[in-house]
């Protein structure tokens, strides 16, 4: 998954404001307490970050 697709999925699922806040501020336990933005910047594949974000925020499987 490309970073642009990750951003599009976040926008579609959470909206602009909430999506931006979640990516920047929500700490993901799956990545050692890093935020989604920090995980991507640290080299984690955007698809893995998306999956972790969906799992923590209970996004239905049909939209993951």
PDB file of N, CA and C in Angstrom:
ATOM      1  N   UNK A   1       0.847  -1.168   0.000  1.00  0.00           N
ATOM      2  CA  UNK A   1       0.000   0.000   0.000  1.00  0.00           C
ATOM      3  C   UNK A   1       0.901   1.242   0.000  1.00  0.00           C
ATOM      4  N   UNK A   2       0.553   2.182  -0.804  1.00  0.00           N
ATOM      5  CA  UNK A   2       1.289   3.447  -0.840  1.00  0.00           C
ATOM      6  C   UNK A   2       0.765   4.366   0.261  1.00  0.00           C
ATOM      7  N   UNK A   3       1.575   5.321   0.633  1.00  0.00           N
ATOM      8  CA  UNK A   3       1.194   6.274   1.665  1.00  0.00           C
ATOM      9  C   UNK A   3      -0.046   7.062   1.258  1.00  0.00           C
ATOM     10  N   UNK A   4      -0.171   7.377  -0.015  1.00  0.00           N
ATOM     11  CA  UNK A   4      -1.350   8.118  -0.471  1.00  0.00           C
ATOM     12  C   UNK A   4      -2.624   7.298  -0.278  1.00  0.00           C
ATOM     13  N   UNK A   5      -2.550   5.994  -0.502  1.00  0.00           N
ATOM     14  CA  UNK A   5      -3.723   5.136  -0.288  1.00  0.00           C
ATOM     15  C   UNK A   5      -4.065   5.077   1.195  1.00  0.00           C
ATOM     16  N   UNK A   6      -3.041   4.977   2.037  1.00  0.00           N
ATOM     17  CA  UNK A   6      -3.254   4.994   3.485  1.00  0.00           C
ATOM     18  C   UNK A   6      -4.013   6.265   3.886  1.00  0.00           C
ATOM     19  N   UNK A   7      -3.550   7.390   3.393  1.00  0.00           N
ATOM     20  CA  UNK A   7      -4.194   8.673   3.724  1.00  0.00           C
ATOM     21  C   UNK A   7      -5.635   8.721   3.235  1.00  0.00           C
ATOM     22  N   UNK A   8      -5.877   8.182   2.042  1.00  0.00           N
ATOM     23  CA  UNK A   8      -7.238   8.139   1.500  1.00  0.00           C
ATOM     24  C   UNK A   8      -8.152   7.268   2.360  1.00  0.00           C
ATOM     25  N   UNK A   9      -7.649   6.126   2.823  1.00  0.00           N
ATOM     26  CA  UNK A   9      -8.442   5.241   3.674  1.00  0.00           C
ATOM     27  C   UNK A   9      -8.760   5.898   5.008  1.00  0.00           C
ATOM     28  N   UNK A  10      -7.776   6.564   5.589  1.00  0.00           N
ATOM     29  CA  UNK A  10      -7.988   7.267   6.860  1.00  0.00           C
ATOM     30  C   UNK A  10      -9.052   8.348   6.670  1.00  0.00           C
ATOM     31  N   UNK A  11      -8.936   9.127   5.604  1.00  0.00           N
ATOM     32  CA  UNK A  11      -9.900  10.183   5.319  1.00  0.00           C
ATOM     33  C   UNK A  11     -11.307   9.619   5.135  1.00  0.00           C
ATOM     34  N   UNK A  12     -11.427   8.551   4.362  1.00  0.00           N
ATOM     35  CA  UNK A  12     -12.740   7.956   4.096  1.00  0.00           C
ATOM     36  C   UNK A  12     -13.371   7.381   5.361  1.00  0.00           C
ATOM     37  N   UNK A  13     -12.567   6.777   6.207  1.00  0.00           N
ATOM     38  CA  UNK A  13     -13.100   6.124   7.406  1.00  0.00           C
ATOM     39  C   UNK A  13     -13.380   7.096   8.544  1.00  0.00           C
ATOM     40  N   UNK A  14     -12.504   8.061   8.752  1.00  0.00           N
ATOM     41  CA  UNK A  14     -12.590   8.901   9.949  1.00  0.00           C
ATOM     42  C   UNK A  14     -12.866  10.369   9.681  1.00  0.00           C
ATOM     43  N   UNK A  15     -12.807  10.795   8.425  1.00  0.00           N
ATOM     44  CA  UNK A  15     -12.971  12.211   8.127  1.00  0.00           C
ATOM     45  C   UNK A  15     -11.649  12.943   8.281  1.00  0.00           C
ATOM     46  N   UNK A  16     -11.614  14.173   7.789  1.00  0.00           N
ATOM     47  CA  UNK A  16     -10.369  14.933   7.763  1.00  0.00           C
ATOM     48  C   UNK A  16      -9.830  15.231   9.162  1.00  0.00           C
ATOM     49  N   UNK A  17     -10.624  15.896   9.982  1.00  0.00           N
ATOM     50  CA  UNK A  17     -10.133  16.326  11.299  1.00  0.00           C
ATOM     51  C   UNK A  17      -9.797  15.152  12.211  1.00  0.00           C
ATOM     52  N   UNK A  18     -10.726  14.232  12.344  1.00  0.00           N
ATOM     53  CA  UNK A  18     -10.487  13.088  13.233  1.00  0.00           C
ATOM     54  C   UNK A  18      -9.353  12.217  12.689  1.00  0.00           C
ATOM     55  N   UNK A  19      -9.328  12.001  11.391  1.00  0.00           N
ATOM     56  CA  UNK A  19      -8.269  11.207  10.781  1.00  0.00           C
ATOM     57  C   UNK A  19      -6.898  11.805  11.016  1.00  0.00           C
ATOM     58  N   UNK A  20      -6.775  13.117  10.812  1.00  0.00           N
ATOM     59  CA  UNK A  20      -5.500  13.795  11.057  1.00  0.00           C
ATOM     60  C   UNK A  20      -5.078  13.643  12.511  1.00  0.00           C
ATOM     61  N   UNK A  21      -6.029  13.807  13.426  1.00  0.00           N
ATOM     62  CA  UNK A  21      -5.739  13.690  14.845  1.00  0.00           C
ATOM     63  C   UNK A  21      -5.315  12.270  15.208  1.00  0.00           C
ATOM     64  N   UNK A  22      -6.004  11.285  14.685  1.00  0.00           N
ATOM     65  CA  UNK A  22      -5.669   9.900  14.996  1.00  0.00           C
ATOM     66  C   UNK A  22      -4.275   9.527  14.494  1.00  0.00           C
ATOM     67  N   UNK A  23      -3.951   9.930  13.281  1.00  0.00           N
ATOM     68  CA  UNK A  23      -2.638   9.613  12.722  1.00  0.00           C
ATOM     69  C   UNK A  23      -1.528  10.306  13.515  1.00  0.00           C
ATOM     70  N   UNK A  24      -1.765  11.522  13.920  1.00  0.00           N
ATOM     71  CA  UNK A  24      -0.735  12.295  14.617  1.00  0.00           C
ATOM     72  C   UNK A  24      -0.642  11.990  16.103  1.00  0.00           C
ATOM     73  N   UNK A  25      -1.763  11.654  16.752  1.00  0.00           N
ATOM     74  CA  UNK A  25      -1.797  11.611  18.221  1.00  0.00           C
ATOM     75  C   UNK A  25      -2.136  10.267  18.854  1.00  0.00           C
ATOM     76  N   UNK A  26      -2.832   9.398  18.144  1.00  0.00           N
ATOM     77  CA  UNK A  26      -3.253   8.128  18.743  1.00  0.00           C
ATOM     78  C   UNK A  26      -2.062   7.169  18.828  1.00  0.00           C
ATOM     79  N   UNK A  27      -1.742   6.752  20.027  1.00  0.00           N
ATOM     80  CA  UNK A  27      -0.611   5.846  20.248  1.00  0.00           C
ATOM     81  C   UNK A  27      -1.055   4.418  19.960  1.00  0.00           C
ATOM     82  N   UNK A  28      -0.310   3.744  19.082  1.00  0.00           N
ATOM     83  CA  UNK A  28      -0.614   2.371  18.683  1.00  0.00           C
ATOM     84  C   UNK A  28       0.254   1.405  19.481  1.00  0.00           C
ATOM     85  N   UNK A  29      -0.367   0.567  20.271  1.00  0.00           N
ATOM     86  CA  UNK A  29       0.371  -0.410  21.060  1.00  0.00           C
ATOM     87  C   UNK A  29       1.160  -1.388  20.209  1.00  0.00           C
ATOM     88  N   UNK A  30       0.681  -1.656  19.016  1.00  0.00           N
ATOM     89  CA  UNK A  30       1.341  -2.625  18.136  1.00  0.00           C
ATOM     90  C   UNK A  30       2.716  -2.160  17.668  1.00  0.00           C
ATOM     91  N   UNK A  31       2.989  -0.881  17.794  1.00  0.00           N
ATOM     92  CA  UNK A  31       4.263  -0.345  17.312  1.00  0.00           C
ATOM     93  C   UNK A  31       5.044   0.329  18.424  1.00  0.00           C
ATOM     94  N   UNK A  32       5.026  -0.280  19.581  1.00  0.00           N
ATOM     95  CA  UNK A  32       5.848   0.190  20.692  1.00  0.00           C
ATOM     96  C   UNK A  32       5.485   1.564  21.210  1.00  0.00           C
ATOM     97  N   UNK A  33       4.217   1.898  21.134  1.00  0.00           N
ATOM     98  CA  UNK A  33       3.785   3.183  21.671  1.00  0.00           C
ATOM     99  C   UNK A  33       4.005   4.353  20.738  1.00  0.00           C
ATOM    100  N   UNK A  34       4.238   4.070  19.461  1.00  0.00           N
ATOM    101  CA  UNK A  34       4.372   5.149  18.480  1.00  0.00           C
ATOM    102  C   UNK A  34       3.018   5.465  17.877  1.00  0.00           C
ATOM    103  N   UNK A  35       2.880   6.668  17.378  1.00  0.00           N
ATOM    104  CA  UNK A  35       1.671   7.031  16.642  1.00  0.00           C
ATOM    105  C   UNK A  35       1.758   6.446  15.237  1.00  0.00           C
ATOM    106  N   UNK A  36       0.658   6.514  14.507  1.00  0.00           N
ATOM    107  CA  UNK A  36       0.660   6.034  13.125  1.00  0.00           C
ATOM    108  C   UNK A  36       1.682   6.810  12.297  1.00  0.00           C
ATOM    109  N   UNK A  37       1.733   8.114  12.481  1.00  0.00           N
ATOM    110  CA  UNK A  37       2.688   8.930  11.732  1.00  0.00           C
ATOM    111  C   UNK A  37       4.121   8.531  12.063  1.00  0.00           C
ATOM    112  N   UNK A  38       4.405   8.328  13.329  1.00  0.00           N
ATOM    113  CA  UNK A  38       5.758   7.937  13.735  1.00  0.00           C
ATOM    114  C   UNK A  38       6.124   6.559  13.192  1.00  0.00           C
ATOM    115  N   UNK A  39       5.163   5.653  13.189  1.00  0.00           N
ATOM    116  CA  UNK A  39       5.429   4.306  12.685  1.00  0.00           C
ATOM    117  C   UNK A  39       5.765   4.342  11.198  1.00  0.00           C
ATOM    118  N   UNK A  40       4.981   5.080  10.424  1.00  0.00           N
ATOM    119  CA  UNK A  40       5.245   5.188   8.990  1.00  0.00           C
ATOM    120  C   UNK A  40       6.598   5.855   8.753  1.00  0.00           C
ATOM    121  N   UNK A  41       6.849   6.928   9.465  1.00  0.00           N
ATOM    122  CA  UNK A  41       8.136   7.625   9.318  1.00  0.00           C
ATOM    123  C   UNK A  41       9.300   6.732   9.720  1.00  0.00           C
ATOM    124  N   UNK A  42       9.047   5.801  10.640  1.00  0.00           N
ATOM    125  CA  UNK A  42      10.086   4.888  11.094  1.00  0.00           C
ATOM    126  C   UNK A  42      10.271   3.675  10.215  1.00  0.00           C
ATOM    127  N   UNK A  43       9.521   3.593   9.118  1.00  0.00           N
ATOM    128  CA  UNK A  43       9.726   2.518   8.166  1.00  0.00           C
ATOM    129  C   UNK A  43       8.700   1.400   8.171  1.00  0.00           C
ATOM    130  N   UNK A  44       7.675   1.501   9.011  1.00  0.00           N
ATOM    131  CA  UNK A  44       6.618   0.485   9.019  1.00  0.00           C
ATOM    132  C   UNK A  44       5.755   0.693   7.773  1.00  0.00           C
ATOM    133  N   UNK A  45       5.420  -0.395   7.113  1.00  0.00           N
ATOM    134  CA  UNK A  45       4.590  -0.319   5.915  1.00  0.00           C
ATOM    135  C   UNK A  45       3.224   0.297   6.253  1.00  0.00           C
ATOM    136  N   UNK A  46       2.748   1.232   5.421  1.00  0.00           N
ATOM    137  CA  UNK A  46       1.447   1.853   5.673  1.00  0.00           C
ATOM    138  C   UNK A  46       0.315   0.841   5.850  1.00  0.00           C
ATOM    139  N   UNK A  47       0.351  -0.284   5.114  1.00  0.00           N
ATOM    140  CA  UNK A  47      -0.709  -1.298   5.262  1.00  0.00           C
ATOM    141  C   UNK A  47      -0.742  -1.849   6.684  1.00  0.00           C
ATOM    142  N   UNK A  48       0.413  -2.087   7.282  1.00  0.00           N
ATOM    143  CA  UNK A  48       0.475  -2.599   8.650  1.00  0.00           C
ATOM    144  C   UNK A  48      -0.039  -1.567   9.647  1.00  0.00           C
ATOM    145  N   UNK A  49       0.280  -0.314   9.391  1.00  0.00           N
ATOM    146  CA  UNK A  49      -0.210   0.766  10.258  1.00  0.00           C
ATOM    147  C   UNK A  49      -1.723   0.871  10.137  1.00  0.00           C
ATOM    148  N   UNK A  50      -2.233   0.788   8.913  1.00  0.00           N
ATOM    149  CA  UNK A  50      -3.679   0.833   8.692  1.00  0.00           C
ATOM    150  C   UNK A  50      -4.365  -0.310   9.441  1.00  0.00           C
ATOM    151  N   UNK A  51      -3.832  -1.510   9.323  1.00  0.00           N
ATOM    152  CA  UNK A  51      -4.427  -2.667  10.010  1.00  0.00           C
ATOM    153  C   UNK A  51      -4.429  -2.473  11.524  1.00  0.00           C
ATOM    154  N   UNK A  52      -3.346  -1.956  12.073  1.00  0.00           N
ATOM    155  CA  UNK A  52      -3.268  -1.730  13.520  1.00  0.00           C
ATOM    156  C   UNK A  52      -4.266  -0.657  13.954  1.00  0.00           C
ATOM    157  N   UNK A  53      -4.363   0.402  13.185  1.00  0.00           N
ATOM    158  CA  UNK A  53      -5.303   1.471  13.495  1.00  0.00           C
ATOM    159  C   UNK A  53      -6.732   0.941  13.463  1.00  0.00           C
ATOM    160  N   UNK A  54      -7.050   0.154  12.447  1.00  0.00           N
ATOM    161  CA  UNK A  54      -8.389  -0.432  12.337  1.00  0.00           C
ATOM    162  C   UNK A  54      -8.692  -1.370  13.502  1.00  0.00           C
ATOM    163  N   UNK A  55      -7.729  -2.182  13.876  1.00  0.00           N
ATOM    164  CA  UNK A  55      -7.935  -3.126  14.971  1.00  0.00           C
ATOM    165  C   UNK A  55      -8.183  -2.395  16.284  1.00  0.00           C
ATOM    166  N   UNK A  56      -7.406  -1.370  16.553  1.00  0.00           N
ATOM    167  CA  UNK A  56      -7.559  -0.643  17.814  1.00  0.00           C
ATOM    168  C   UNK A  56      -8.840   0.173  17.862  1.00  0.00           C
ATOM    169  N   UNK A  57      -9.318   0.602  16.710  1.00  0.00           N
ATOM    170  CA  UNK A  57     -10.500   1.468  16.673  1.00  0.00           C
ATOM    171  C   UNK A  57     -11.748   0.734  16.208  1.00  0.00           C
ATOM    172  N   UNK A  58     -11.680  -0.591  16.164  1.00  0.00           N
ATOM    173  CA  UNK A  58     -12.830  -1.443  15.841  1.00  0.00           C
ATOM    174  C   UNK A  58     -13.498  -1.116  14.505  1.00  0.00           C
ATOM    175  N   UNK A  59     -12.683  -0.865  13.492  1.00  0.00           N
ATOM    176  CA  UNK A  59     -13.220  -0.667  12.145  1.00  0.00           C
ATOM    177  C   UNK A  59     -13.695  -2.034  11.652  1.00  0.00           C
ATOM    178  N   UNK A  60     -14.910  -2.126  11.127  1.00  0.00           N
ATOM    179  CA  UNK A  60     -15.416  -3.408  10.648  1.00  0.00           C
ATOM    180  C   UNK A  60     -14.498  -4.021   9.583  1.00  0.00           C
ATOM    181  N   UNK A  61     -14.401  -5.328   9.585  1.00  0.00           N
ATOM    182  CA  UNK A  61     -13.530  -6.040   8.654  1.00  0.00           C
ATOM    183  C   UNK A  61     -13.815  -5.675   7.199  1.00  0.00           C
ATOM    184  N   UNK A  62     -15.054  -5.404   6.883  1.00  0.00           N
ATOM    185  CA  UNK A  62     -15.411  -5.087   5.500  1.00  0.00           C
ATOM    186  C   UNK A  62     -14.799  -3.782   5.004  1.00  0.00           C
ATOM    187  N   UNK A  63     -14.330  -2.925   5.927  1.00  0.00           N
ATOM    188  CA  UNK A  63     -13.750  -1.646   5.528  1.00  0.00           C
ATOM    189  C   UNK A  63     -12.250  -1.563   5.802  1.00  0.00           C
ATOM    190  N   UNK A  64     -11.635  -2.693   6.137  1.00  0.00           N
ATOM    191  CA  UNK A  64     -10.198  -2.678   6.437  1.00  0.00           C
ATOM    192  C   UNK A  64      -9.375  -2.886   5.199  1.00  0.00           C
TER     193      UNK A  64
END
